[in-house]
Amino acid sequence: MKKWLKIAAWSLLGFGVVFLLLVAQRAQKETIVSKPKIIIHVTGENAFLTKNELYIRLKRKGFVFDGQQREKLNTSAIEKYIQSMSEVKTVKVFSSIGKGWKIEVLVRKPIARIFNTFGETFYLDEDGIIMKSSNLHTARVVVVSGNIKDRIHSKSVKEIINNPTLKSIQKLDQVYRISIYVCNDPLMQSLISQIHLKSNGDFVLIPLVGGQKIIFGSANSDEEVKDKFEKLKLFYKEAIPFEGWNKYEEISLKYKKQIVCKTVNGYTEEKEN
C-alpha cells in the first residue's frame, strides 16, 4: 500500500512539474518584449549605421512592433535581415528569459569611395567587400575615379583575385591594394586624397600637398604596391625638403629601382632608388 502511495505521489509531482513548465512556457510566449538593446561596434571614425537607424529599419520591415509578444519575435529572421545589409560585417541577436533581447552589430570599415563610369558610387571596405553608399553618412576616405568599370554588384576582391578571367577585366583588386596601403600608412593617409585610373590602365595618385601627379602604374601584387610606396616615401624624405613641393609636375613610380620626375619647366629627372 505504501509503495503505491509513493508511486502516486511521485506521479502527481511529475505531472505538476510538467504542468507548471507548460504554464511558464505559455506565459513566456505571451510576454510583451521590450525594445531591443542595440550595440553597434565601429572600427575607426566612420559609422555607417546607428542604433536608431537600425531600429527604424526593423520596424519598417515588421520585425518589431508595439505590443509584440515573444512568440512573434523571430530572432533568426532578424539576424539574417541585418546580415544582408552591405554595411554590416557580423551580427548576433540574443534572446533572454523575460522581456529583454539584444542585437550586437559590427559595422564594416570603408577604405575607399569609388565613382565608376556608369555613374554609380559605392565604398570598398577593409576586407575588399563592396558597401552601398548612404545618403545619411559619408566617410573620409580616399576617392577613386576614372576608367572604373566595376559595378556596385561586382564580385568581392577575394573572388576577383582567385579568378584569372575576372582579374583581366576588372580593376577592383588593384584599387583595393592601393587603397588599403594608403589607409594603413599614416603618411600616405595624410598625403593622398584621390586615385584616378587612366584609360591606359595606369593609376595616378593625387596628393593634397603640391600640384604634381604621381604616376603609380599598375598594382598587380602587394609586393609591387609596397615597393612603389616605399620609393615614394623615400623621395619625399630625401628630395622634397631640398627641391620643394612645387618643383615637379609629375612623379612616376612605374620603373623599377628609379623614380622619373618631370619638372614644371618640362625637364625630366631620373632618381635612382
Protein backbone atom coordinates (compact mmCIF):
# COMPACT_ATOMS: atom_id res chain seq x y z
CA MET A 1 0.00 0.00 0.00
CA LYS A 2 2.75 2.41 0.99
CA LYS A 3 4.57 1.57 -2.26
CA TRP A 4 1.56 2.54 -4.36
CA LEU A 5 1.14 5.75 -2.40
CA LYS A 6 4.74 6.70 -3.10
CA ILE A 7 4.30 5.95 -6.81
CA ALA A 8 1.12 8.01 -6.91
CA ALA A 9 2.80 10.90 -5.09
CA TRP A 10 5.78 10.92 -7.45
CA SER A 11 3.44 10.72 -10.45
CA LEU A 12 1.41 13.67 -9.20
CA LEU A 13 4.64 15.60 -8.58
CA GLY A 14 5.82 14.81 -12.11
CA PHE A 15 2.54 15.90 -13.66
CA GLY A 16 2.65 19.04 -11.53
CA VAL A 17 6.15 19.94 -12.75
CA VAL A 18 5.17 19.37 -16.39
CA PHE A 19 2.04 21.45 -15.91
CA LEU A 20 4.00 24.32 -14.36
CA LEU A 21 6.55 24.18 -17.18
CA LEU A 22 3.81 24.36 -19.78
CA VAL A 23 2.18 27.28 -17.97
CA ALA A 24 5.56 29.07 -17.71
CA GLN A 25 6.29 28.40 -21.36
CA ARG A 26 2.93 29.78 -22.39
CA ALA A 27 3.40 32.81 -20.18
CA GLN A 28 6.84 33.38 -21.74
CA LYS A 29 5.37 33.25 -25.26
CA GLU A 30 2.71 35.78 -24.32
CA THR A 31 5.20 38.14 -22.65
CA ILE A 32 5.35 41.56 -24.31
CA VAL A 33 9.01 42.08 -25.28
CA SER A 34 10.77 45.37 -24.70
CA LYS A 35 12.67 47.47 -27.22
CA PRO A 36 15.93 45.65 -28.08
CA LYS A 37 19.24 46.71 -26.61
CA ILE A 38 21.31 47.56 -29.70
CA ILE A 39 25.11 47.64 -29.62
CA ILE A 40 26.99 48.97 -32.67
CA HIS A 41 30.74 48.29 -32.88
CA VAL A 42 32.65 50.60 -35.25
CA THR A 43 36.30 50.34 -36.34
CA GLY A 44 37.61 53.86 -36.94
CA GLU A 45 35.57 57.05 -37.16
CA ASN A 46 33.12 56.16 -39.93
CA ALA A 47 29.86 54.78 -38.51
CA PHE A 48 27.58 53.85 -41.41
CA LEU A 49 24.82 52.56 -39.16
CA THR A 50 23.38 53.94 -35.91
CA LYS A 51 21.17 52.32 -33.29
CA ASN A 52 18.19 54.43 -34.25
CA GLU A 53 18.59 53.75 -37.99
CA LEU A 54 18.74 50.00 -37.38
CA TYR A 55 15.65 50.07 -35.16
CA ILE A 56 13.70 52.08 -37.76
CA ARG A 57 14.62 49.56 -40.49
CA LEU A 58 13.42 46.69 -38.32
CA LYS A 59 10.12 48.46 -37.67
CA ARG A 60 9.59 49.18 -41.38
CA LYS A 61 10.13 45.51 -42.20
CA GLY A 62 7.67 44.48 -39.48
CA PHE A 63 10.25 42.61 -37.39
CA VAL A 64 9.43 44.73 -34.33
CA PHE A 65 6.21 46.49 -33.34
CA ASP A 66 4.36 47.82 -30.31
CA GLY A 67 2.78 45.19 -28.08
CA GLN A 68 4.90 42.43 -29.65
CA GLN A 69 4.64 39.07 -27.91
CA ARG A 70 7.75 36.94 -27.60
CA GLU A 71 6.28 34.19 -29.80
CA LYS A 72 6.12 36.80 -32.60
CA LEU A 73 9.82 37.67 -32.20
CA ASN A 74 11.74 35.86 -34.96
CA THR A 75 15.38 36.34 -33.95
CA SER A 76 16.72 34.13 -36.77
CA ALA A 77 14.93 36.17 -39.45
CA ILE A 78 16.08 39.42 -37.83
CA GLU A 79 19.70 38.22 -37.78
CA LYS A 80 19.51 37.16 -41.44
CA TYR A 81 17.98 40.51 -42.47
CA ILE A 82 20.63 42.58 -40.66
CA GLN A 83 23.44 40.41 -42.08
CA SER A 84 22.17 41.19 -45.60
CA MET A 85 22.93 44.92 -45.09
CA SER A 86 26.06 45.86 -47.03
CA GLU A 87 27.44 47.94 -44.16
CA VAL A 88 27.23 45.07 -41.66
CA LYS A 89 30.18 42.72 -41.16
CA THR A 90 28.77 40.48 -38.41
CA VAL A 91 25.60 40.39 -36.32
CA LYS A 92 24.33 38.39 -33.35
CA VAL A 93 20.78 38.52 -31.97
CA PHE A 94 20.34 37.29 -28.40
CA SER A 95 17.06 36.47 -26.64
CA SER A 96 16.82 36.00 -22.86
CA ILE A 97 14.10 34.96 -20.44
CA GLY A 98 11.63 37.74 -19.74
CA LYS A 99 11.14 40.89 -21.80
CA GLY A 100 14.72 41.61 -22.84
CA TRP A 101 16.62 40.85 -26.05
CA LYS A 102 19.76 42.25 -27.65
CA ILE A 103 21.27 42.96 -31.09
CA GLU A 104 25.06 43.27 -31.47
CA VAL A 105 26.47 44.50 -34.78
CA LEU A 106 30.00 45.00 -36.13
CA VAL A 107 29.96 47.58 -38.94
CA ARG A 108 32.33 47.38 -41.91
CA LYS A 109 35.22 49.85 -42.21
CA PRO A 110 35.34 51.67 -45.58
CA ILE A 111 38.76 52.42 -47.09
CA ALA A 112 37.83 53.98 -50.44
CA ARG A 113 34.89 55.62 -52.19
CA ILE A 114 34.58 54.65 -55.85
CA PHE A 115 32.93 56.57 -58.69
CA ASN A 116 32.64 54.33 -61.77
CA THR A 117 31.97 55.09 -65.43
CA PHE A 118 28.29 54.15 -65.05
CA GLY A 119 27.51 56.99 -62.67
CA GLU A 120 27.44 54.70 -59.64
CA THR A 121 29.21 55.37 -56.36
CA PHE A 122 29.99 52.86 -53.64
CA TYR A 123 32.54 52.10 -50.96
CA LEU A 124 35.16 49.37 -50.67
CA ASP A 125 35.79 48.06 -47.16
CA GLU A 126 38.96 46.77 -45.49
CA ASP A 127 38.09 43.18 -46.48
CA GLY A 128 37.57 44.04 -50.16
CA ILE A 129 33.76 43.92 -49.89
CA ILE A 130 31.55 46.44 -51.71
CA MET A 131 29.40 48.68 -49.48
CA LYS A 132 26.49 50.72 -50.79
CA SER A 133 26.77 54.48 -50.33
CA SER A 134 24.41 56.19 -47.90
CA ASN A 135 22.53 59.49 -48.08
CA LEU A 136 22.95 59.80 -44.33
CA HIS A 137 26.67 59.08 -43.97
CA THR A 138 29.91 59.84 -45.77
CA ALA A 139 33.38 58.58 -44.97
CA ARG A 140 36.65 60.49 -45.02
CA VAL A 141 38.49 58.04 -47.24
CA VAL A 142 40.46 58.19 -50.47
CA VAL A 143 38.33 58.84 -53.58
CA VAL A 144 38.76 56.59 -56.64
CA SER A 145 37.67 57.81 -60.09
CA GLY A 146 38.44 57.45 -63.78
CA ASN A 147 38.06 54.42 -66.05
CA ILE A 148 36.49 52.20 -63.37
CA LYS A 149 34.21 49.59 -64.98
CA ASP A 150 33.50 47.64 -61.78
CA ARG A 151 29.82 47.87 -60.80
CA ILE A 152 28.10 48.15 -57.45
CA HIS A 153 27.12 44.47 -57.70
CA SER A 154 30.59 43.28 -58.77
CA LYS A 155 32.36 40.36 -57.12
CA SER A 156 34.41 40.90 -53.98
CA VAL A 157 38.17 41.47 -54.23
CA LYS A 158 38.88 37.95 -52.98
CA GLU A 159 36.70 36.45 -55.73
CA ILE A 160 38.43 38.57 -58.39
CA ILE A 161 41.92 37.64 -57.16
CA ASN A 162 41.07 33.92 -57.33
CA ASN A 163 39.59 34.17 -60.84
CA PRO A 164 42.11 34.90 -63.67
CA THR A 165 39.31 35.84 -66.06
CA LEU A 166 37.90 38.46 -63.69
CA LYS A 167 41.40 39.80 -62.95
CA SER A 168 41.90 40.55 -66.63
CA ILE A 169 38.73 42.65 -66.98
CA GLN A 170 38.21 44.21 -63.53
CA LYS A 171 40.34 46.66 -61.55
CA LEU A 172 38.78 46.40 -58.10
CA ASP A 173 41.59 44.19 -56.79
CA GLN A 174 44.20 46.80 -57.79
CA VAL A 175 42.09 49.60 -56.34
CA TYR A 176 41.94 47.62 -53.10
CA ARG A 177 45.72 47.08 -52.89
CA ILE A 178 46.46 50.78 -53.26
CA SER A 179 43.61 51.92 -51.00
CA ILE A 180 44.37 49.53 -48.14
CA TYR A 181 48.02 50.62 -48.15
CA VAL A 182 47.02 54.31 -48.07
CA CYS A 183 44.51 53.60 -45.30
CA ASN A 184 47.05 51.78 -43.11
CA ASP A 185 50.02 54.11 -43.65
CA PRO A 186 49.78 57.35 -41.60
CA LEU A 187 51.95 59.36 -44.03
CA MET A 188 50.13 58.25 -47.18
CA GLN A 189 46.75 58.64 -45.48
CA SER A 190 47.54 62.29 -44.76
CA LEU A 191 49.03 62.86 -48.21
CA ILE A 192 46.93 61.06 -50.84
CA SER A 193 43.41 62.36 -51.49
CA GLN A 194 42.47 60.70 -54.76
CA ILE A 195 43.27 57.72 -57.01
CA HIS A 196 42.50 58.07 -60.72
CA LEU A 197 42.55 55.26 -63.29
CA LYS A 198 43.60 56.34 -66.78
CA SER A 199 42.30 54.63 -69.94
CA ASN A 200 45.75 53.07 -70.49
CA GLY A 201 45.48 51.19 -67.19
CA ASP A 202 47.80 53.41 -65.16
CA PHE A 203 46.74 54.50 -61.69
CA VAL A 204 47.52 58.13 -60.82
CA LEU A 205 47.67 59.40 -57.24
CA ILE A 206 46.63 62.97 -56.47
CA PRO A 207 48.29 64.40 -53.33
CA LEU A 208 46.79 67.01 -51.02
CA VAL A 209 50.05 68.98 -50.99
CA GLY A 210 51.77 70.18 -54.15
CA GLY A 211 50.41 70.28 -57.69
CA GLN A 212 52.14 67.18 -59.04
CA LYS A 213 50.61 63.93 -60.27
CA ILE A 214 52.08 60.66 -59.08
CA ILE A 215 52.05 58.05 -61.85
CA PHE A 216 51.68 54.82 -59.91
CA GLY A 217 51.14 52.46 -62.86
CA SER A 218 49.75 49.01 -62.06
CA ALA A 219 49.10 47.38 -58.68
CA ASN A 220 49.12 43.68 -59.52
CA SER A 221 50.53 42.44 -56.21
CA ASP A 222 51.03 43.52 -52.62
CA GLU A 223 54.79 43.44 -53.15
CA GLU A 224 54.57 45.77 -56.15
CA VAL A 225 52.41 48.24 -54.25
CA LYS A 226 54.68 48.20 -51.19
CA ASP A 227 57.80 48.71 -53.31
CA LYS A 228 56.32 51.72 -55.12
CA PHE A 229 55.12 53.39 -51.95
CA GLU A 230 58.49 52.82 -50.26
CA LYS A 231 60.14 54.58 -53.22
CA LEU A 232 57.68 57.45 -52.93
CA LYS A 233 58.23 57.86 -49.18
CA LEU A 234 62.00 57.86 -49.68
CA PHE A 235 61.61 60.51 -52.39
CA TYR A 236 59.53 62.72 -50.10
CA LYS A 237 62.06 62.25 -47.31
CA GLU A 238 65.25 62.90 -49.30
CA ALA A 239 64.27 65.06 -52.31
CA ILE A 240 61.29 67.23 -51.44
CA PRO A 241 62.92 69.01 -48.44
CA PHE A 242 65.64 70.28 -50.80
CA GLU A 243 63.71 70.69 -54.06
CA GLY A 244 60.39 71.96 -52.68
CA TRP A 245 56.80 70.80 -53.24
CA ASN A 246 56.22 72.89 -56.36
CA LYS A 247 59.21 71.93 -58.48
CA TYR A 248 57.72 68.80 -60.03
CA GLU A 249 54.71 68.42 -62.27
CA GLU A 250 54.83 64.63 -62.44
CA ILE A 251 56.44 61.82 -60.42
CA SER A 252 56.48 58.36 -61.99
CA LEU A 253 56.88 55.19 -59.92
CA LYS A 254 56.36 52.82 -62.86
CA TYR A 255 60.01 51.89 -63.31
CA LYS A 256 61.95 49.51 -61.06
CA LYS A 257 64.66 50.94 -58.82
CA GLN A 258 64.17 54.51 -60.03
CA ILE A 259 61.79 57.44 -59.97
CA VAL A 260 61.32 59.53 -63.11
CA CYS A 261 60.28 63.12 -62.44
CA LYS A 262 59.09 65.84 -64.80
CA THR A 263 59.60 69.41 -63.60
CA VAL A 264 57.14 72.24 -64.16
CA ASN A 265 59.64 73.62 -66.69
CA GLY A 266 59.43 70.45 -68.78
CA TYR A 267 62.72 68.84 -67.73
CA THR A 268 62.96 65.12 -66.95
CA GLU A 269 64.99 63.87 -64.00
CA GLU A 270 65.77 60.27 -63.11
CA LYS A 271 66.48 59.45 -59.50
CA GLU A 272 67.95 56.06 -58.62
CA ASN A 273 66.38 54.16 -55.75
